C-alpha atoms as a PDB file:
ATOM      1  CA  MET A   1     -69.476 -20.335  53.342  1.00  0.00           C
ATOM      2  CA  THR A   2     -72.393 -21.700  55.264  1.00  0.00           C
ATOM      3  CA  GLU A   3     -75.982 -21.326  54.209  1.00  0.00           C
ATOM      4  CA  ASP A   4     -76.672 -18.862  57.004  1.00  0.00           C
ATOM      5  CA  GLY A   5     -73.561 -16.770  56.285  1.00  0.00           C
ATOM      6  CA  PHE A   6     -74.126 -16.130  52.606  1.00  0.00           C
ATOM      7  CA  GLN A   7     -77.553 -15.939  51.012  1.00  0.00           C
ATOM      8  CA  LEU A   8     -77.866 -14.974  47.433  1.00  0.00           C
ATOM      9  CA  SER A   9     -81.222 -14.021  45.996  1.00  0.00           C
ATOM     10  CA  ALA A  10     -82.329 -13.684  42.409  1.00  0.00           C
ATOM     11  CA  HIS A  11     -82.656  -9.946  42.966  1.00  0.00           C
ATOM     12  CA  ASP A  12     -78.997  -9.827  44.073  1.00  0.00           C
ATOM     13  CA  VAL A  13     -77.906 -11.584  40.898  1.00  0.00           C
ATOM     14  CA  ARG A  14     -80.003  -9.385  38.635  1.00  0.00           C
ATOM     15  CA  HIS A  15     -78.681  -6.169  40.103  1.00  0.00           C
ATOM     16  CA  GLN A  16     -75.082  -7.177  40.546  1.00  0.00           C
ATOM     17  CA  GLU A  17     -72.802  -4.886  38.547  1.00  0.00           C
ATOM     18  CA  CYS A  18     -69.304  -5.961  37.703  1.00  0.00           C
ATOM     19  CA  GLY A  19     -66.515  -3.622  36.752  1.00  0.00           C
ATOM     20  CA  ARG A  20     -65.039  -3.789  33.258  1.00  0.00           C
ATOM     21  CA  ALA A  21     -61.738  -5.304  32.594  1.00  0.00           C
ATOM     22  CA  MET A  22     -59.603  -5.397  29.536  1.00  0.00           C
ATOM     23  CA  ARG A  23     -60.791  -8.554  28.096  1.00  0.00           C
ATOM     24  CA  ASP A  24     -64.313  -8.029  29.058  1.00  0.00           C
ATOM     25  CA  SER A  25     -67.219 -10.392  28.288  1.00  0.00           C
ATOM     26  CA  ASP A  26     -70.146  -9.524  26.142  1.00  0.00           C
ATOM     27  CA  PRO A  27     -72.510  -7.573  28.383  1.00  0.00           C
ATOM     28  CA  SER A  28     -75.643  -9.127  26.816  1.00  0.00           C
ATOM     29  CA  GLN A  29     -74.271 -12.623  27.443  1.00  0.00           C
ATOM     30  CA  VAL A  30     -73.432 -11.701  31.024  1.00  0.00           C
ATOM     31  CA  ASP A  31     -76.935 -10.285  31.502  1.00  0.00           C
ATOM     32  CA  ASP A  32     -78.468 -13.393  29.937  1.00  0.00           C
ATOM     33  CA  PHE A  33     -76.336 -15.624  32.197  1.00  0.00           C
ATOM     34  CA  LYS A  34     -77.277 -13.564  35.242  1.00  0.00           C
ATOM     35  CA  GLU A  35     -80.978 -13.888  34.315  1.00  0.00           C
ATOM     36  CA  ARG A  36     -80.719 -17.684  33.993  1.00  0.00           C
ATOM     37  CA  ILE A  37     -78.913 -17.848  37.342  1.00  0.00           C
ATOM     38  CA  ALA A  38     -81.602 -15.608  38.891  1.00  0.00           C
ATOM     39  CA  GLN A  39     -84.391 -17.822  37.477  1.00  0.00           C
ATOM     40  CA  GLU A  40     -82.645 -20.933  38.758  1.00  0.00           C
ATOM     41  CA  LEU A  41     -82.243 -19.296  42.178  1.00  0.00           C
ATOM     42  CA  ASP A  42     -85.949 -18.360  42.152  1.00  0.00           C
ATOM     43  CA  ARG A  43     -86.872 -21.968  41.312  1.00  0.00           C
ATOM     44  CA  LEU A  44     -84.504 -23.317  43.963  1.00  0.00           C
ATOM     45  CA  TRP A  45     -85.948 -20.921  46.588  1.00  0.00           C
ATOM     46  CA  ARG A  46     -89.500 -21.950  45.643  1.00  0.00           C
ATOM     47  CA  ASP A  47     -88.501 -25.642  45.774  1.00  0.00           C
ATOM     48  CA  ARG A  48     -86.788 -25.034  49.082  1.00  0.00           C
ATOM     49  CA  GLY A  49     -89.927 -23.344  50.423  1.00  0.00           C
ATOM     50  CA  GLN A  50     -92.109 -26.239  49.243  1.00  0.00           C
ATOM     51  CA  ILE A  51     -89.677 -28.757  50.688  1.00  0.00           C
ATOM     52  CA  ASN A  52     -89.589 -26.823  53.966  1.00  0.00           C
ATOM     53  CA  ASP A  53     -93.410 -26.764  54.022  1.00  0.00           C
ATOM     54  CA  ARG A  54     -93.557 -30.511  53.342  1.00  0.00           C
ATOM     55  CA  LEU A  55     -90.843 -31.091  55.931  1.00  0.00           C
ATOM     56  CA  GLN A  56     -92.831 -29.070  58.480  1.00  0.00           C
ATOM     57  CA  GLY A  57     -95.960 -31.115  57.664  1.00  0.00           C
ATOM     58  CA  MET A  58     -94.055 -34.360  57.961  1.00  0.00           C
ATOM     59  CA  MET A  59     -92.447 -33.219  61.199  1.00  0.00           C
ATOM     60  CA  GLU A  60     -95.906 -32.423  62.582  1.00  0.00           C
ATOM     61  CA  GLN A  61     -97.229 -35.809  61.372  1.00  0.00           C
ATOM     62  CA  LEU A  62     -94.220 -37.511  62.939  1.00  0.00           C
ATOM     63  CA  LYS A  63     -94.846 -35.682  66.204  1.00  0.00           C
ATOM     64  CA  VAL A  64     -98.535 -36.657  66.104  1.00  0.00           C
ATOM     65  CA  SER A  65     -97.578 -40.252  65.277  1.00  0.00           C
ATOM     66  CA  ARG A  66     -95.059 -40.346  68.103  1.00  0.00           C
ATOM     67  CA  ASP A  67     -97.606 -38.851  70.483  1.00  0.00           C
ATOM     68  CA  ARG A  68    -100.157 -41.469  69.373  1.00  0.00           C
ATOM     69  CA  GLU A  69     -97.583 -44.240  69.719  1.00  0.00           C
ATOM     70  CA  ARG A  70     -96.651 -42.989  73.182  1.00  0.00           C
ATOM     71  CA  ALA A  71    -100.341 -42.793  74.132  1.00  0.00           C
ATOM     72  CA  MET A  72    -100.960 -46.291  72.731  1.00  0.00           C
ATOM     73  CA  ASN A  73     -97.964 -47.644  74.631  1.00  0.00           C
ATOM     74  CA  ASP A  74     -99.205 -45.956  77.798  1.00  0.00           C
ATOM     75  CA  ALA A  75    -102.687 -47.376  77.188  1.00  0.00           C
ATOM     76  CA  LEU A  76    -101.223 -50.822  76.507  1.00  0.00           C
ATOM     77  CA  ILE A  77     -99.176 -50.695  79.699  1.00  0.00           C
ATOM     78  CA  ALA A  78    -102.223 -49.499  81.633  1.00  0.00           C
ATOM     79  CA  ALA A  79    -104.359 -52.265  80.083  1.00  0.00           C
ATOM     80  CA  GLN A  80    -101.752 -54.888  80.923  1.00  0.00           C
ATOM     81  CA  GLN A  81    -101.545 -53.609  84.484  1.00  0.00           C
ATOM     82  CA  LEU A  82    -105.330 -53.533  84.734  1.00  0.00           C
ATOM     83  CA  ARG A  83    -105.522 -57.095  83.381  1.00  0.00           C
ATOM     84  CA  ALA A  84    -102.938 -58.226  85.914  1.00  0.00           C
ATOM     85  CA  ASP A  85    -104.819 -56.433  88.719  1.00  0.00           C
ATOM     86  CA  VAL A  86    -108.147 -57.908  87.627  1.00  0.00           C
ATOM     87  CA  GLN A  87    -106.604 -61.373  87.331  1.00  0.00           C
ATOM     88  CA  SER A  88    -105.043 -61.023  90.768  1.00  0.00           C
ATOM     89  CA  GLN A  89    -108.331 -59.832  92.259  1.00  0.00           C
ATOM     90  CA  ALA A  90    -110.222 -62.632  90.501  1.00  0.00           C
ATOM     91  CA  ASP A  91    -107.740 -65.171  91.831  1.00  0.00           C
ATOM     92  CA  LYS A  92    -108.150 -63.742  95.339  1.00  0.00           C
ATOM     93  CA  GLU A  93    -111.933 -63.899  95.072  1.00  0.00           C
ATOM     94  CA  ALA A  94    -112.013 -67.239  93.272  1.00  0.00           C
ATOM     95  CA  GLY A  95    -109.849 -69.005  95.867  1.00  0.00           C
ATOM     96  CA  PRO A  96    -112.382 -68.872  98.718  1.00  0.00           C
ATOM     97  CA  MET A  97    -115.262 -69.430  96.312  1.00  0.00           C
ATOM     98  CA  LEU A  98    -113.522 -72.461  94.893  1.00  0.00           C
ATOM     99  CA  GLN A  99    -112.852 -73.779  98.391  1.00  0.00           C
ATOM    100  CA  ARG A 100    -116.511 -73.282  99.331  1.00  0.00           C
ATOM    101  CA  ALA A 101    -117.625 -74.973  96.119  1.00  0.00           C
ATOM    102  CA  ARG A 102    -115.288 -77.901  96.747  1.00  0.00           C
ATOM    103  CA  GLY A 103    -116.513 -78.146 100.346  1.00  0.00           C
ATOM    104  CA  GLN A 104    -120.121 -78.097  99.178  1.00  0.00           C
ATOM    105  CA  ALA A 105    -119.359 -80.693  96.506  1.00  0.00           C
ATOM    106  CA  ASP A 106    -117.646 -82.917  99.074  1.00  0.00           C
ATOM    107  CA  GLN A 107    -120.587 -82.492 101.462  1.00  0.00           C
ATOM    108  CA  THR A 108    -123.097 -83.264  98.704  1.00  0.00           C
ATOM    109  CA  LEU A 109    -121.094 -86.313  97.677  1.00  0.00           C
ATOM    110  CA  LEU A 110    -120.940 -87.518 101.284  1.00  0.00           C
ATOM    111  CA  GLU A 111    -124.685 -87.011 101.691  1.00  0.00           C
ATOM    112  CA  ALA A 112    -125.329 -88.844  98.416  1.00  0.00           C
ATOM    113  CA  ARG A 113    -123.155 -91.765  99.532  1.00  0.00           C
ATOM    114  CA  ASN A 114    -124.910 -91.905 102.912  1.00  0.00           C
ATOM    115  CA  GLU A 115    -128.303 -91.816 101.199  1.00  0.00           C
ATOM    116  CA  ALA A 116    -127.224 -94.557  98.786  1.00  0.00           C
ATOM    117  CA  GLU A 117    -126.026 -96.706 101.689  1.00  0.00           C
ATOM    118  CA  ARG A 118    -129.302 -96.080 103.546  1.00  0.00           C
ATOM    119  CA  LEU A 119    -131.332 -97.028 100.472  1.00  0.00           C
ATOM    120  CA  MET A 120    -129.192-100.121  99.916  1.00  0.00           C
ATOM    121  CA  GLU A 121    -129.783-101.156 103.553  1.00  0.00           C
ATOM    122  CA  GLN A 122    -133.519-100.577 103.174  1.00  0.00           C
ATOM    123  CA  ALA A 123    -133.521-102.635  99.983  1.00  0.00           C
ATOM    124  CA  ARG A 124    -131.604-105.442 101.711  1.00  0.00           C
ATOM    125  CA  VAL A 125    -134.017-105.439 104.661  1.00  0.00           C
ATOM    126  CA  SER A 126    -136.997-105.380 102.281  1.00  0.00           C
ATOM    127  CA  GLU A 127    -135.491-108.248 100.303  1.00  0.00           C
ATOM    128  CA  GLU A 128    -134.995-110.277 103.489  1.00  0.00           C
ATOM    129  CA  ARG A 129    -138.607-109.593 104.541  1.00  0.00           C
ATOM    130  CA  LEU A 130    -139.889-110.588 101.112  1.00  0.00           C
ATOM    131  CA  HIS A 131    -137.756-113.706 101.118  1.00  0.00           C
ATOM    132  CA  TYR A 132    -139.015-114.630 104.612  1.00  0.00           C
ATOM    133  CA  SER A 133    -142.610-113.841 103.612  1.00  0.00           C
ATOM    134  CA  SER A 134    -142.381-115.835 100.389  1.00  0.00           C
ATOM    135  CA  GLU A 135    -140.811-118.730 102.255  1.00  0.00           C
ATOM    136  CA  THR A 136    -143.581-118.582 104.860  1.00  0.00           C
ATOM    137  CA  VAL A 137    -146.245-118.450 102.151  1.00  0.00           C
ATOM    138  CA  ARG A 138    -144.603-121.373 100.327  1.00  0.00           C
ATOM    139  CA  GLN A 139    -144.506-123.440 103.522  1.00  0.00           C
ATOM    140  CA  GLN A 140    -148.130-122.541 104.279  1.00  0.00           C
ATOM    141  CA  PHE A 141    -149.126-123.505 100.743  1.00  0.00           C
ATOM    142  CA  LEU A 142    -147.285-126.828 100.998  1.00  0.00           C
ATOM    143  CA  ALA A 143    -148.914-127.496 104.384  1.00  0.00           C
ATOM    144  CA  TYR A 144    -152.310-126.636 102.930  1.00  0.00           C
ATOM    145  CA  VAL A 145    -151.776-128.815  99.884  1.00  0.00           C
ATOM    146  CA  THR A 146    -150.468-131.657 102.032  1.00  0.00           C
ATOM    147  CA  SER A 147    -153.291-131.401 104.600  1.00  0.00           C
ATOM    148  CA  ASP A 148    -155.993-131.205 101.948  1.00  0.00           C
ATOM    149  CA  ARG A 149    -154.451-133.885  99.781  1.00  0.00           C
ATOM    150  CA  ARG A 150    -155.509-136.898 101.849  1.00  0.00           C
ATOM    151  CA  PRO A 151    -159.212-136.002 102.010  1.00  0.00           C
ATOM    152  CA  LEU A 152    -159.104-135.138  98.304  1.00  0.00           C
ATOM    153  CA  GLU A 153    -157.425-138.442  97.497  1.00  0.00           C
ATOM    154  CA  ARG A 154    -160.134-140.272  99.475  1.00  0.00           C
ATOM    155  CA  GLU A 155    -162.847-138.415  97.618  1.00  0.00           C
ATOM    156  CA  LEU A 156    -161.151-139.232  94.307  1.00  0.00           C
ATOM    157  CA  ASP A 157    -160.994-142.902  95.302  1.00  0.00           C
ATOM    158  CA  GLU A 158    -164.699-142.816  96.170  1.00  0.00           C
ATOM    159  CA  LEU A 159    -165.511-141.094  92.864  1.00  0.00           C
ATOM    160  CA  ASP A 160    -163.461-143.701  90.994  1.00  0.00           C
ATOM    161  CA  ALA A 161    -165.306-146.457  92.854  1.00  0.00           C
ATOM    162  CA  LEU A 162    -168.670-144.893  92.068  1.00  0.00           C
ATOM    163  CA  ALA A 163    -167.740-144.469  88.446  1.00  0.00           C
ATOM    164  CA  SER A 164    -166.710-148.116  88.217  1.00  0.00           C
ATOM    165  CA  ALA A 165    -169.868-149.238  89.971  1.00  0.00           C
ATOM    166  CA  ASP A 166    -171.920-147.112  87.662  1.00  0.00           C
ATOM    167  CA  THR A 167    -170.385-148.691  84.563  1.00  0.00           C
ATOM    168  CA  ARG A 168    -171.050-152.185  85.954  1.00  0.00           C
ATOM    169  CA  ALA A 169    -174.650-151.264  86.737  1.00  0.00           C
ATOM    170  CA  ASP A 170    -175.108-150.001  83.205  1.00  0.00           C
ATOM    171  CA  ALA A 171    -174.108-153.370  81.924  1.00  0.00           C
ATOM    172  CA  TRP A 172    -177.006-155.091  83.805  1.00  0.00           C
ATOM    173  CA  LEU A 173    -179.702-152.646  82.757  1.00  0.00           C
ATOM    174  CA  PRO A 174    -181.884-153.449  79.734  1.00  0.00           C
ATOM    175  CA  ARG A 175    -181.252-151.364  76.645  1.00  0.00           C
ATOM    176  CA  PRO A 176    -184.079-149.611  74.941  1.00  0.00           C
ATOM    177  CA  ALA A 177    -184.882-150.891  71.505  1.00  0.00           C
END
């Protein structure tokens, strides 16, 4: 019989009366056996109740856990979708910004190159001017030295002649005693 079709309680066992037969059992032993069966049934029913209570608790915990897992999976899927949407939006926004930044960088680089070329040209022109000026100054100095050299050489010759004449005149002068 199935569990639902036949349910035996401890009360049923205790109050069950059996007819007497010819070779009948000892009534006190039968009563004692019925009492032990009734106690065992009571214990089994209590255990079954506790097990059912624990099973109900576990079923509720399992349902809560499954609900949490489902909610976490939904949240994970939503987060992944949000991340993908944000990444897509960031890529869309970053593309033009990156192009503008590259354009600005290229423009800045071009301006820097043009400025460097301009400064190099200015430096070259300044160097040529300085070279021309220094060459002009050198030529003027050489012309000055050359033009003033002859009169200076004549004056030196005259000074040498005077110095020689002076030493000869000293030789003819009387010496103080």
